């Protein structure tokens, strides 16, 4: 049948495997329950890997099968299980994750620390913090957890540490947006002068204040001398898309004037998300009305506040998200 044919194709490449997993998570969940359960309980490692990835996309708890996957001999299955533990809010596995932080494999150690930190393990947060300070790989993912988990004064110290390093301005901007302290807005506005950080700084400004740069006419036309994404030069080996390609260009003067008028409504030293102090109510509101990037941030804020709940998946089809948001147990 078509299912068997599609499953066979997943052996050919990871692209085929990802397409198969996407299909299982994008179709109506009730129609794919049986295939997901069959895959998760299969004897073959490849099939269990597919099943766990599909269940994880829908944030379905696989019960005792997850700790079993954490101890599997296959490294790829262990890595998806380590990530799943954090995304699903499996606080019962914190002790197991602690053991994996000592893994000789850097990916496994990081994923164990990320999941543990997301669920409130202070030692895991400190492990991630060490990686941030030494500019280890996956700093952006680590900042997502560390800045939200640290006490505000400690997070402010980390942000100032990053601000003081010329080669870490993008990390500093991301951390500033995550922290959400309005006291850093003037510093963000100054970053608009640098074309390499302007759009990211504008995005952080919006994340904190809730100001939509386009709707409020706070954006400007792209600079003429800036190329976004791969060039047409056949000798140019850089084919990566610009990470900021979808973000608007902020207009420094208009934003500075807007902030001058609005800053009195914000409290310095208090974390904000889309213009409101962060709590479960404001984070849920941001999840409902924000841009996709802002909704992802809101989902993590809720996950930090509710460590034993799954991290809401903002990449699912809109109909599935609406159904989950309507459920009292979704958040």
Foldseek 3Di string as FASTA:
>chain_A
DVVVVLVVCCVVDVVSLVVNLQVCQFPPVVVNVVQLVCQCPDPDPSSVQSSLSSCLLLLHDPPPSLVVQCPDPDPSSVLSSLQSCQQNLVPVCLVVLVVQLPDPDPSSVLSSLLSNLLLPDVVSLVVLVVCCVVVHPPVLSSLLRNLLRDDLVVLVVVLVSQVVDPVRVLVSLSSLLLQLFCVCLVVLLVQLVPLLCQQSSVVSVCFNALDDCVVVVQFDDDDPPDDFADDPDPPDPGRDGHPSVVGTRGDSVVVVVVCVVPVVLHDGSFHGGSRHGDDLVVLLVQLVDPDLVSVQSSLSSNCSVVSNHGRDNSPHPPVSSVVLNVDPRSD
